[in-house]
Amino acid sequence: MKLWAKRATHTAGVLVAAAGLALAASAPASAAPPNTATGLKATGLIPANPLVASAFPGTSPNHAASLNLPPLLTTGAVDTAAGPTTASATVSGLNISLSPLASLTAGTLTSNCSYNSVTGVVSADSNIENGKVVLLGTPIFLTPHPTPNTTLTLPGLATLILNRQTTGPDGTVTVDALSVSLVSGLENVVLATSTCNAATLS
């Protein structure tokens, strides 16, 4: 009787372990977050949730005729889109008041990213057309197609990061065409953001 009980207990343990392995094998992997694109987001004294945001899976493309965050900034048309392996964002007609004596303007800001399923690599890029800072009447022109994470510091006013790119532990890449930090971080604005996962979403 004792021998039978031991065998039954052993058999039950094997069955439970096997069932656990089967469930683990059949359980789906954690779903990747969506590819996304955002026209503008801001934190600080004048906050703004992500505006003109697209996502895949989700809603895409999206468009706004203009954006206005008084007294900080205005834009013209904003367009975003996201797909199974790509994301892109475009902001036109940007005008930011850095201070009563300084402003930043740009004709067009764009960012894009894409996942290559063959190489398993996410690539990203951004561009600033006709961008400039005017400080006390003197223009400082922003380089189009800047190298990633190009930084321009305006002492006492702002820090600009052009083509800001970050890569997550899972290979996800985020690119911002322009990041603006005003007055030691009291206001932060990010424009034309695209994020792509290192995976094909469908």
N, C-alpha and C. Protein backbone atom coordinates (compact mmCIF):
# COMPACT_ATOMS: atom_id res chain seq x y z
N MET A 1 0.83 -1.21 0.00
CA MET A 1 0.00 0.00 0.00
C MET A 1 0.86 1.25 0.00
N LYS A 2 1.91 1.22 0.87
CA LYS A 2 2.80 2.38 0.92
C LYS A 2 3.53 2.56 -0.40
N LEU A 3 3.97 1.40 -1.01
CA LEU A 3 4.66 1.47 -2.29
C LEU A 3 3.77 2.07 -3.36
N TRP A 4 2.49 1.65 -3.38
CA TRP A 4 1.53 2.19 -4.36
C TRP A 4 1.36 3.69 -4.18
N ALA A 5 1.27 4.13 -2.93
CA ALA A 5 1.10 5.56 -2.64
C ALA A 5 2.30 6.36 -3.12
N LYS A 6 3.51 5.81 -2.89
CA LYS A 6 4.71 6.52 -3.35
C LYS A 6 4.73 6.64 -4.87
N ARG A 7 4.36 5.51 -5.56
CA ARG A 7 4.35 5.54 -7.02
C ARG A 7 3.30 6.53 -7.55
N ALA A 8 2.14 6.55 -6.90
CA ALA A 8 1.07 7.47 -7.32
C ALA A 8 1.51 8.91 -7.15
N THR A 9 2.16 9.19 -6.01
CA THR A 9 2.63 10.55 -5.76
C THR A 9 3.67 10.96 -6.79
N HIS A 10 4.60 10.04 -7.10
CA HIS A 10 5.64 10.32 -8.10
C HIS A 10 5.03 10.59 -9.47
N THR A 11 4.05 9.72 -9.85
CA THR A 11 3.40 9.89 -11.15
C THR A 11 2.68 11.21 -11.24
N ALA A 12 1.98 11.59 -10.17
CA ALA A 12 1.26 12.86 -10.16
C ALA A 12 2.23 14.03 -10.30
N GLY A 13 3.39 13.92 -9.62
CA GLY A 13 4.38 14.99 -9.72
C GLY A 13 4.90 15.13 -11.13
N VAL A 14 5.15 14.00 -11.81
CA VAL A 14 5.63 14.04 -13.19
C VAL A 14 4.59 14.68 -14.10
N LEU A 15 3.30 14.30 -13.90
CA LEU A 15 2.24 14.85 -14.72
C LEU A 15 2.11 16.36 -14.53
N VAL A 16 2.20 16.81 -13.28
CA VAL A 16 2.10 18.25 -13.00
C VAL A 16 3.25 18.99 -13.65
N ALA A 17 4.46 18.44 -13.53
CA ALA A 17 5.63 19.08 -14.14
C ALA A 17 5.48 19.15 -15.64
N ALA A 18 5.01 18.05 -16.26
CA ALA A 18 4.83 18.02 -17.70
C ALA A 18 3.78 19.03 -18.14
N ALA A 19 2.70 19.11 -17.36
CA ALA A 19 1.65 20.08 -17.69
C ALA A 19 2.19 21.50 -17.61
N GLY A 20 3.03 21.75 -16.60
CA GLY A 20 3.61 23.08 -16.46
C GLY A 20 4.48 23.43 -17.64
N LEU A 21 5.29 22.45 -18.10
CA LEU A 21 6.14 22.70 -19.27
C LEU A 21 5.30 22.95 -20.51
N ALA A 22 4.21 22.20 -20.66
CA ALA A 22 3.34 22.39 -21.82
C ALA A 22 2.71 23.77 -21.82
N LEU A 23 2.26 24.22 -20.64
CA LEU A 23 1.66 25.54 -20.56
C LEU A 23 2.68 26.62 -20.85
N ALA A 24 3.89 26.45 -20.34
CA ALA A 24 4.94 27.45 -20.59
C ALA A 24 5.27 27.52 -22.06
N ALA A 25 5.29 26.34 -22.72
CA ALA A 25 5.62 26.32 -24.14
C ALA A 25 4.54 26.95 -24.98
N SER A 26 3.27 26.78 -24.56
CA SER A 26 2.17 27.30 -25.36
C SER A 26 1.85 28.75 -25.06
N ALA A 27 2.35 29.29 -23.93
CA ALA A 27 2.03 30.67 -23.57
C ALA A 27 2.69 31.63 -24.54
N PRO A 28 1.98 32.63 -25.04
CA PRO A 28 2.57 33.58 -25.99
C PRO A 28 3.61 34.45 -25.31
N ALA A 29 4.62 34.88 -26.11
CA ALA A 29 5.63 35.80 -25.59
C ALA A 29 4.98 37.14 -25.31
N SER A 30 5.61 37.90 -24.45
CA SER A 30 5.07 39.21 -24.12
C SER A 30 4.94 40.04 -25.38
N ALA A 31 3.79 40.63 -25.58
CA ALA A 31 3.55 41.41 -26.78
C ALA A 31 4.42 42.66 -26.77
N ALA A 32 5.01 42.97 -27.94
CA ALA A 32 5.82 44.17 -28.06
C ALA A 32 4.91 45.39 -28.00
N PRO A 33 5.39 46.49 -27.43
CA PRO A 33 4.59 47.71 -27.44
C PRO A 33 4.43 48.22 -28.87
N PRO A 34 3.45 49.07 -29.12
CA PRO A 34 3.21 49.54 -30.49
C PRO A 34 4.31 50.45 -31.00
N ASN A 35 4.46 50.49 -32.32
CA ASN A 35 5.25 51.55 -32.94
C ASN A 35 4.44 52.84 -32.84
N THR A 36 5.11 53.95 -32.56
CA THR A 36 4.38 55.19 -32.32
C THR A 36 5.05 56.38 -32.99
N ALA A 37 4.27 57.42 -33.20
CA ALA A 37 4.77 58.70 -33.71
C ALA A 37 3.97 59.81 -33.05
N THR A 38 4.66 60.87 -32.65
CA THR A 38 4.03 61.98 -31.93
C THR A 38 4.52 63.30 -32.50
N GLY A 39 3.58 64.24 -32.67
CA GLY A 39 3.97 65.56 -33.16
C GLY A 39 4.65 66.40 -32.11
N LEU A 40 4.08 66.42 -30.90
CA LEU A 40 4.61 67.30 -29.85
C LEU A 40 4.21 66.77 -28.48
N LYS A 41 5.11 66.92 -27.52
CA LYS A 41 4.77 66.70 -26.11
C LYS A 41 5.61 67.67 -25.29
N ALA A 42 5.05 68.08 -24.14
CA ALA A 42 5.73 69.07 -23.30
C ALA A 42 5.49 68.77 -21.84
N THR A 43 6.50 69.04 -21.02
CA THR A 43 6.38 68.91 -19.57
C THR A 43 6.95 70.17 -18.93
N GLY A 44 6.46 70.48 -17.74
CA GLY A 44 6.96 71.65 -17.03
C GLY A 44 5.87 72.66 -16.78
N LEU A 45 6.21 73.94 -16.90
CA LEU A 45 5.26 75.01 -16.61
C LEU A 45 4.07 75.00 -17.56
N ILE A 46 4.30 74.58 -18.81
CA ILE A 46 3.22 74.50 -19.81
C ILE A 46 3.19 73.06 -20.32
N PRO A 47 2.47 72.17 -19.64
CA PRO A 47 2.48 70.76 -20.04
C PRO A 47 1.53 70.50 -21.21
N ALA A 48 1.85 69.47 -21.96
CA ALA A 48 0.97 69.02 -23.04
C ALA A 48 1.16 67.53 -23.23
N ASN A 49 0.07 66.77 -23.15
CA ASN A 49 0.13 65.36 -23.44
C ASN A 49 0.56 65.17 -24.89
N PRO A 50 1.07 63.98 -25.25
CA PRO A 50 1.45 63.78 -26.65
C PRO A 50 0.32 64.18 -27.60
N LEU A 51 0.64 65.08 -28.51
CA LEU A 51 -0.34 65.63 -29.45
C LEU A 51 -0.10 65.07 -30.84
N VAL A 52 -1.19 64.85 -31.56
CA VAL A 52 -1.17 64.26 -32.91
C VAL A 52 -0.37 62.95 -32.85
N ALA A 53 -0.86 62.02 -32.06
CA ALA A 53 -0.16 60.75 -31.82
C ALA A 53 -0.76 59.63 -32.66
N SER A 54 0.11 58.88 -33.32
CA SER A 54 -0.29 57.69 -34.08
C SER A 54 0.36 56.46 -33.48
N ALA A 55 -0.28 55.30 -33.68
CA ALA A 55 0.28 54.06 -33.15
C ALA A 55 -0.13 52.90 -34.04
N PHE A 56 0.73 51.88 -34.09
CA PHE A 56 0.39 50.60 -34.72
C PHE A 56 0.84 49.48 -33.80
N PRO A 57 -0.07 48.60 -33.40
CA PRO A 57 -1.51 48.65 -33.64
C PRO A 57 -2.14 49.88 -32.97
N GLY A 58 -3.18 50.40 -33.60
CA GLY A 58 -3.85 51.58 -33.09
C GLY A 58 -4.32 52.47 -34.22
N THR A 59 -4.39 53.76 -33.95
CA THR A 59 -4.92 54.71 -34.92
C THR A 59 -3.78 55.39 -35.67
N SER A 60 -3.83 55.33 -37.00
CA SER A 60 -2.81 55.94 -37.84
C SER A 60 -3.35 56.02 -39.27
N PRO A 61 -3.01 57.08 -40.04
CA PRO A 61 -2.23 58.26 -39.66
C PRO A 61 -3.10 59.29 -38.94
N ASN A 62 -2.46 60.37 -38.45
CA ASN A 62 -3.17 61.47 -37.82
C ASN A 62 -2.61 62.80 -38.29
N HIS A 63 -3.48 63.83 -38.25
CA HIS A 63 -3.12 65.13 -38.82
C HIS A 63 -3.74 66.25 -37.99
N ALA A 64 -3.02 67.34 -37.85
CA ALA A 64 -3.56 68.56 -37.26
C ALA A 64 -3.13 69.73 -38.13
N ALA A 65 -4.04 70.66 -38.36
CA ALA A 65 -3.72 71.82 -39.19
C ALA A 65 -2.71 72.73 -38.51
N SER A 66 -2.73 72.75 -37.17
CA SER A 66 -1.78 73.58 -36.41
C SER A 66 -1.86 73.19 -34.94
N LEU A 67 -0.83 73.60 -34.18
CA LEU A 67 -0.81 73.44 -32.73
C LEU A 67 -0.42 74.76 -32.10
N ASN A 68 -0.96 75.01 -30.91
CA ASN A 68 -0.71 76.29 -30.25
C ASN A 68 -0.60 76.07 -28.74
N LEU A 69 0.56 76.39 -28.18
CA LEU A 69 0.76 76.34 -26.73
C LEU A 69 1.18 77.73 -26.26
N PRO A 70 0.23 78.63 -26.08
CA PRO A 70 0.59 80.00 -25.70
C PRO A 70 1.12 80.05 -24.28
N PRO A 71 2.09 80.92 -24.02
CA PRO A 71 2.77 81.81 -24.97
C PRO A 71 4.06 81.21 -25.50
N LEU A 72 4.15 79.86 -25.47
CA LEU A 72 5.41 79.19 -25.76
C LEU A 72 5.67 78.96 -27.24
N LEU A 73 4.70 78.36 -27.94
CA LEU A 73 5.00 77.98 -29.32
C LEU A 73 3.75 77.86 -30.17
N THR A 74 3.98 77.90 -31.47
CA THR A 74 2.95 77.62 -32.47
C THR A 74 3.58 76.76 -33.57
N THR A 75 2.73 76.02 -34.27
CA THR A 75 3.20 75.25 -35.42
C THR A 75 2.19 75.38 -36.56
N GLY A 76 2.63 74.96 -37.73
CA GLY A 76 1.72 74.76 -38.83
C GLY A 76 1.22 73.33 -38.79
N ALA A 77 1.09 72.71 -39.97
CA ALA A 77 0.55 71.36 -40.07
C ALA A 77 1.45 70.34 -39.39
N VAL A 78 0.81 69.34 -38.77
CA VAL A 78 1.52 68.25 -38.10
C VAL A 78 0.94 66.93 -38.60
N ASP A 79 1.81 66.02 -39.02
CA ASP A 79 1.37 64.72 -39.52
C ASP A 79 2.19 63.61 -38.88
N THR A 80 1.52 62.53 -38.48
CA THR A 80 2.20 61.37 -37.92
C THR A 80 1.62 60.10 -38.51
N ALA A 81 2.43 59.04 -38.53
CA ALA A 81 1.97 57.74 -39.02
C ALA A 81 2.81 56.64 -38.40
N ALA A 82 2.20 55.46 -38.26
CA ALA A 82 2.92 54.29 -37.73
C ALA A 82 2.40 53.04 -38.42
N GLY A 83 3.31 52.11 -38.71
CA GLY A 83 2.93 50.87 -39.36
C GLY A 83 3.59 49.68 -38.69
N PRO A 84 3.51 48.48 -39.30
CA PRO A 84 4.07 47.27 -38.68
C PRO A 84 5.57 47.34 -38.42
N THR A 85 6.30 48.09 -39.26
CA THR A 85 7.77 48.17 -39.09
C THR A 85 8.29 49.61 -39.17
N THR A 86 7.41 50.60 -39.22
CA THR A 86 7.85 51.98 -39.42
C THR A 86 7.06 52.95 -38.57
N ALA A 87 7.62 54.16 -38.44
CA ALA A 87 6.91 55.28 -37.83
C ALA A 87 7.53 56.57 -38.35
N SER A 88 6.72 57.63 -38.44
CA SER A 88 7.24 58.91 -38.93
C SER A 88 6.41 60.06 -38.38
N ALA A 89 7.07 61.22 -38.26
CA ALA A 89 6.40 62.43 -37.76
C ALA A 89 6.95 63.64 -38.48
N THR A 90 6.05 64.59 -38.79
CA THR A 90 6.44 65.83 -39.45
C THR A 90 5.75 67.00 -38.78
N VAL A 91 6.52 68.03 -38.44
CA VAL A 91 5.99 69.26 -37.86
C VAL A 91 6.48 70.41 -38.72
N SER A 92 5.55 71.22 -39.22
CA SER A 92 5.94 72.35 -40.07
C SER A 92 5.65 73.67 -39.36
N GLY A 93 6.34 74.71 -39.82
CA GLY A 93 6.06 76.07 -39.35
C GLY A 93 6.25 76.27 -37.86
N LEU A 94 7.34 75.73 -37.30
CA LEU A 94 7.57 75.84 -35.85
C LEU A 94 8.07 77.23 -35.47
N ASN A 95 7.51 77.77 -34.39
CA ASN A 95 7.99 79.04 -33.82
C ASN A 95 7.93 78.93 -32.30
N ILE A 96 9.11 78.94 -31.65
CA ILE A 96 9.19 78.83 -30.19
C ILE A 96 9.79 80.11 -29.62
N SER A 97 9.16 80.63 -28.59
CA SER A 97 9.70 81.79 -27.89
C SER A 97 10.61 81.29 -26.77
N LEU A 98 11.92 81.45 -26.94
CA LEU A 98 12.87 81.02 -25.92
C LEU A 98 12.98 82.03 -24.79
N SER A 99 12.78 83.29 -25.13
CA SER A 99 12.81 84.40 -24.16
C SER A 99 12.33 85.63 -24.91
N PRO A 100 12.13 86.77 -24.23
CA PRO A 100 11.76 88.00 -24.95
C PRO A 100 12.78 88.42 -26.00
N LEU A 101 14.02 87.91 -25.87
CA LEU A 101 15.08 88.33 -26.78
C LEU A 101 15.57 87.21 -27.70
N ALA A 102 14.92 86.05 -27.65
CA ALA A 102 15.38 84.92 -28.47
C ALA A 102 14.21 84.08 -28.93
N SER A 103 14.33 83.55 -30.14
CA SER A 103 13.29 82.69 -30.70
C SER A 103 13.93 81.58 -31.53
N LEU A 104 13.16 80.52 -31.74
CA LEU A 104 13.60 79.40 -32.57
C LEU A 104 12.52 79.14 -33.60
N THR A 105 12.92 79.06 -34.86
CA THR A 105 11.97 78.76 -35.93
C THR A 105 12.52 77.64 -36.80
N ALA A 106 11.61 76.92 -37.44
CA ALA A 106 12.01 75.87 -38.38
C ALA A 106 10.91 75.70 -39.41
N GLY A 107 11.32 75.52 -40.66
CA GLY A 107 10.34 75.30 -41.72
C GLY A 107 9.67 73.94 -41.56
N THR A 108 10.48 72.89 -41.40
CA THR A 108 9.95 71.54 -41.25
C THR A 108 10.87 70.71 -40.36
N LEU A 109 10.27 69.98 -39.44
CA LEU A 109 10.97 68.99 -38.63
C LEU A 109 10.42 67.62 -39.00
N THR A 110 11.30 66.66 -39.26
CA THR A 110 10.84 65.31 -39.58
C THR A 110 11.67 64.28 -38.83
N SER A 111 11.02 63.18 -38.48
CA SER A 111 11.73 62.02 -37.93
C SER A 111 11.11 60.77 -38.50
N ASN A 112 11.90 59.71 -38.58
CA ASN A 112 11.38 58.43 -39.06
C ASN A 112 12.25 57.30 -38.54
N CYS A 113 11.66 56.13 -38.44
CA CYS A 113 12.40 54.94 -38.05
C CYS A 113 11.81 53.74 -38.77
N SER A 114 12.61 52.67 -38.87
CA SER A 114 12.13 51.46 -39.53
C SER A 114 12.89 50.25 -39.01
N TYR A 115 12.20 49.13 -39.00
CA TYR A 115 12.80 47.86 -38.57
C TYR A 115 13.05 46.99 -39.78
N ASN A 116 14.29 46.49 -39.91
CA ASN A 116 14.66 45.59 -41.00
C ASN A 116 14.56 44.16 -40.49
N SER A 117 13.59 43.42 -41.00
CA SER A 117 13.36 42.06 -40.50
C SER A 117 14.48 41.10 -40.91
N VAL A 118 15.26 41.45 -41.92
CA VAL A 118 16.37 40.60 -42.36
C VAL A 118 17.57 40.73 -41.43
N THR A 119 17.93 41.98 -41.12
CA THR A 119 19.09 42.23 -40.26
C THR A 119 18.72 42.27 -38.78
N GLY A 120 17.42 42.47 -38.48
CA GLY A 120 16.99 42.59 -37.10
C GLY A 120 17.38 43.89 -36.45
N VAL A 121 17.64 44.91 -37.28
CA VAL A 121 18.13 46.20 -36.78
C VAL A 121 17.09 47.29 -37.03
N VAL A 122 16.94 48.19 -36.06
CA VAL A 122 16.10 49.38 -36.22
C VAL A 122 16.99 50.56 -36.58
N SER A 123 16.66 51.26 -37.66
CA SER A 123 17.39 52.46 -38.05
C SER A 123 16.49 53.67 -37.87
N ALA A 124 17.10 54.84 -37.64
CA ALA A 124 16.32 56.06 -37.40
C ALA A 124 17.08 57.26 -37.94
N ASP A 125 16.31 58.30 -38.26
CA ASP A 125 16.92 59.53 -38.78
C ASP A 125 15.95 60.68 -38.54
N SER A 126 16.47 61.90 -38.63
CA SER A 126 15.62 63.08 -38.54
C SER A 126 16.24 64.21 -39.34
N ASN A 127 15.45 65.25 -39.58
CA ASN A 127 15.92 66.38 -40.37
C ASN A 127 15.25 67.66 -39.88
N ILE A 128 15.99 68.75 -39.97
CA ILE A 128 15.46 70.08 -39.67
C ILE A 128 15.73 70.97 -40.87
N GLU A 129 14.67 71.44 -41.51
CA GLU A 129 14.81 72.32 -42.67
C GLU A 129 14.58 73.76 -42.26
N ASN A 130 15.49 74.62 -42.69
CA ASN A 130 15.37 76.07 -42.44
C ASN A 130 15.20 76.37 -40.95
N GLY A 131 16.01 75.70 -40.14
CA GLY A 131 15.93 75.94 -38.70
C GLY A 131 16.95 76.98 -38.26
N LYS A 132 16.54 77.83 -37.34
CA LYS A 132 17.48 78.83 -36.82
C LYS A 132 17.00 79.36 -35.47
N VAL A 133 17.98 79.78 -34.68
CA VAL A 133 17.73 80.52 -33.44
C VAL A 133 18.14 81.96 -33.69
N VAL A 134 17.29 82.89 -33.32
CA VAL A 134 17.63 84.31 -33.43
C VAL A 134 17.80 84.85 -32.01
N LEU A 135 19.02 85.26 -31.70
CA LEU A 135 19.36 85.75 -30.36
C LEU A 135 19.87 87.18 -30.47
N LEU A 136 19.11 88.11 -29.88
CA LEU A 136 19.46 89.54 -29.95
C LEU A 136 19.66 89.98 -31.40
N GLY A 137 18.81 89.45 -32.28
CA GLY A 137 18.86 89.83 -33.68
C GLY A 137 19.87 89.08 -34.52
N THR A 138 20.68 88.23 -33.90
CA THR A 138 21.70 87.48 -34.63
C THR A 138 21.24 86.04 -34.86
N PRO A 139 21.21 85.57 -36.13
CA PRO A 139 20.74 84.21 -36.40
C PRO A 139 21.83 83.16 -36.14
N ILE A 140 21.41 82.04 -35.58
CA ILE A 140 22.26 80.86 -35.44
C ILE A 140 21.55 79.74 -36.18
N PHE A 141 22.11 79.32 -37.30
CA PHE A 141 21.42 78.36 -38.16
C PHE A 141 21.64 76.93 -37.67
N LEU A 142 20.55 76.15 -37.69
CA LEU A 142 20.60 74.76 -37.27
C LEU A 142 20.95 73.88 -38.46
N THR A 143 21.89 72.97 -38.25
CA THR A 143 22.36 72.11 -39.34
C THR A 143 21.29 71.12 -39.76
N PRO A 144 20.95 71.08 -41.05
CA PRO A 144 20.02 70.03 -41.50
C PRO A 144 20.70 68.67 -41.43
N HIS A 145 19.92 67.62 -41.28
CA HIS A 145 20.43 66.25 -41.13
C HIS A 145 21.56 66.19 -40.11
N PRO A 146 21.32 66.66 -38.90
CA PRO A 146 22.39 66.64 -37.89
C PRO A 146 22.74 65.21 -37.47
N THR A 147 23.96 65.02 -37.02
CA THR A 147 24.35 63.72 -36.48
C THR A 147 23.54 63.46 -35.20
N PRO A 148 23.34 62.19 -34.85
CA PRO A 148 22.53 61.90 -33.65
C PRO A 148 23.05 62.61 -32.41
N ASN A 149 22.10 63.16 -31.66
CA ASN A 149 22.37 63.78 -30.36
C ASN A 149 23.30 64.99 -30.44
N THR A 150 23.12 65.78 -31.51
CA THR A 150 23.84 67.05 -31.62
C THR A 150 23.26 68.03 -30.60
N THR A 151 24.11 68.63 -29.78
CA THR A 151 23.65 69.51 -28.70
C THR A 151 24.10 70.94 -28.94
N LEU A 152 23.17 71.87 -28.75
CA LEU A 152 23.46 73.30 -28.84
C LEU A 152 22.99 73.94 -27.54
N THR A 153 23.93 74.55 -26.82
CA THR A 153 23.61 75.19 -25.54
C THR A 153 23.58 76.70 -25.70
N LEU A 154 22.47 77.31 -25.27
CA LEU A 154 22.34 78.76 -25.25
C LEU A 154 22.36 79.16 -23.78
N PRO A 155 23.51 79.61 -23.28
CA PRO A 155 23.66 79.85 -21.83
C PRO A 155 22.56 80.75 -21.26
N GLY A 156 21.95 80.26 -20.18
CA GLY A 156 20.90 81.02 -19.51
C GLY A 156 19.55 80.97 -20.19
N LEU A 157 19.46 80.31 -21.35
CA LEU A 157 18.19 80.26 -22.09
C LEU A 157 17.68 78.84 -22.28
N ALA A 158 18.45 78.04 -23.00
CA ALA A 158 17.95 76.72 -23.39
C ALA A 158 19.07 75.80 -23.82
N THR A 159 18.76 74.51 -23.80
CA THR A 159 19.62 73.49 -24.40
C THR A 159 18.81 72.77 -25.46
N LEU A 160 19.36 72.70 -26.67
CA LEU A 160 18.69 72.04 -27.79
C LEU A 160 19.44 70.75 -28.11
N ILE A 161 18.69 69.68 -28.33
CA ILE A 161 19.28 68.44 -28.82
C ILE A 161 18.62 68.12 -30.16
N LEU A 162 19.43 68.06 -31.21
CA LEU A 162 18.94 67.78 -32.55
C LEU A 162 19.14 66.30 -32.86
N ASN A 163 18.14 65.70 -33.49
CA ASN A 163 18.22 64.28 -33.85
C ASN A 163 18.56 63.43 -32.62
N ARG A 164 17.80 63.64 -31.56
CA ARG A 164 18.05 62.88 -30.33
C ARG A 164 17.60 61.44 -30.52
N GLN A 165 18.49 60.49 -30.27
CA GLN A 165 18.18 59.08 -30.45
C GLN A 165 18.53 58.30 -29.19
N THR A 166 17.61 57.42 -28.80
CA THR A 166 17.83 56.54 -27.66
C THR A 166 17.43 55.12 -28.05
N THR A 167 18.14 54.15 -27.50
CA THR A 167 17.87 52.74 -27.78
C THR A 167 17.60 52.01 -26.47
N GLY A 168 16.48 51.30 -26.42
CA GLY A 168 16.11 50.56 -25.22
C GLY A 168 16.82 49.22 -25.15
N PRO A 169 16.74 48.54 -23.99
CA PRO A 169 17.39 47.23 -23.82
C PRO A 169 16.91 46.18 -24.83
N ASP A 170 15.66 46.33 -25.31
CA ASP A 170 15.11 45.37 -26.26
C ASP A 170 15.35 45.76 -27.70
N GLY A 171 16.14 46.82 -27.95
CA GLY A 171 16.44 47.25 -29.30
C GLY A 171 15.49 48.29 -29.85
N THR A 172 14.45 48.65 -29.09
CA THR A 172 13.53 49.70 -29.52
C THR A 172 14.27 51.03 -29.64
N VAL A 173 14.03 51.74 -30.74
CA VAL A 173 14.72 53.01 -30.99
C VAL A 173 13.70 54.15 -31.03
N THR A 174 14.01 55.24 -30.33
CA THR A 174 13.20 56.45 -30.36
C THR A 174 14.05 57.59 -30.89
N VAL A 175 13.51 58.34 -31.85
CA VAL A 175 14.21 59.49 -32.41
C VAL A 175 13.31 60.71 -32.31
N ASP A 176 13.86 61.80 -31.76
CA ASP A 176 13.18 63.09 -31.69
C ASP A 176 13.90 64.04 -32.63
N ALA A 177 13.15 64.68 -33.53
CA ALA A 177 13.80 65.65 -34.41
C ALA A 177 14.41 66.78 -33.60
N LEU A 178 13.71 67.23 -32.56
CA LEU A 178 14.21 68.34 -31.74
C LEU A 178 13.71 68.21 -30.31
N SER A 179 14.63 68.36 -29.37
CA SER A 179 14.29 68.43 -27.95
C SER A 179 14.78 69.77 -27.43
N VAL A 180 13.91 70.49 -26.73
CA VAL A 180 14.24 71.81 -26.20
C VAL A 180 14.02 71.81 -24.70
N SER A 181 15.06 72.14 -23.95
CA SER A 181 14.97 72.28 -22.50
C SER A 181 15.21 73.74 -22.16
N LEU A 182 14.16 74.40 -21.65
CA LEU A 182 14.24 75.83 -21.36
C LEU A 182 14.57 76.08 -19.89
N VAL A 183 15.38 77.09 -19.64
CA VAL A 183 15.64 77.60 -18.29
C VAL A 183 15.88 76.47 -17.30
N SER A 184 16.98 75.76 -17.51
CA SER A 184 17.41 74.70 -16.59
C SER A 184 16.34 73.64 -16.36
N GLY A 185 15.57 73.32 -17.40
CA GLY A 185 14.61 72.23 -17.31
C GLY A 185 13.25 72.58 -16.77
N LEU A 186 12.96 73.88 -16.57
CA LEU A 186 11.63 74.26 -16.09
C LEU A 186 10.56 73.98 -17.15
N GLU A 187 10.96 73.91 -18.40
CA GLU A 187 10.05 73.55 -19.49
C GLU A 187 10.81 72.70 -20.49
N ASN A 188 10.20 71.57 -20.88
CA ASN A 188 10.81 70.68 -21.86
C ASN A 188 9.82 70.38 -22.97
N VAL A 189 10.27 70.56 -24.20
CA VAL A 189 9.43 70.33 -25.36
C VAL A 189 10.14 69.36 -26.30
N VAL A 190 9.41 68.36 -26.78
CA VAL A 190 9.95 67.39 -27.72
C VAL A 190 9.06 67.40 -28.96
N LEU A 191 9.70 67.50 -30.13
CA LEU A 191 8.96 67.64 -31.38
C LEU A 191 9.34 66.55 -32.37
N ALA A 192 8.33 66.06 -33.10
CA ALA A 192 8.50 65.07 -34.17
C ALA A 192 9.24 63.84 -33.66
N THR A 193 8.52 63.01 -32.92
CA THR A 193 9.09 61.80 -32.32
C THR A 193 8.59 60.55 -33.04
N SER A 194 9.51 59.62 -33.32
CA SER A 194 9.15 58.32 -33.90
C SER A 194 9.79 57.22 -33.08
N THR A 195 9.03 56.15 -32.82
CA THR A 195 9.54 55.01 -32.05
C THR A 195 9.22 53.71 -32.77
N CYS A 196 10.26 52.87 -32.97
CA CYS A 196 10.08 51.58 -33.64
C CYS A 196 10.65 50.46 -32.79
N ASN A 197 9.90 49.35 -32.73
CA ASN A 197 10.35 48.15 -32.03
C ASN A 197 11.25 47.32 -32.93
N ALA A 198 12.09 46.51 -32.29
CA ALA A 198 12.91 45.56 -33.04
C ALA A 198 12.09 44.29 -33.28
N ALA A 199 10.97 44.47 -33.98
CA ALA A 199 10.06 43.36 -34.27
C ALA A 199 9.08 43.80 -35.35
N THR A 200 8.54 42.82 -36.06
CA THR A 200 7.49 43.11 -37.03
C THR A 200 6.15 42.97 -36.34
N LEU A 201 5.38 44.05 -36.28
CA LEU A 201 4.08 44.04 -35.63
C LEU A 201 3.00 43.84 -36.68
N SER A 202 2.11 42.91 -36.44
CA SER A 202 1.02 42.68 -37.40
C SER A 202 -0.16 42.04 -36.70
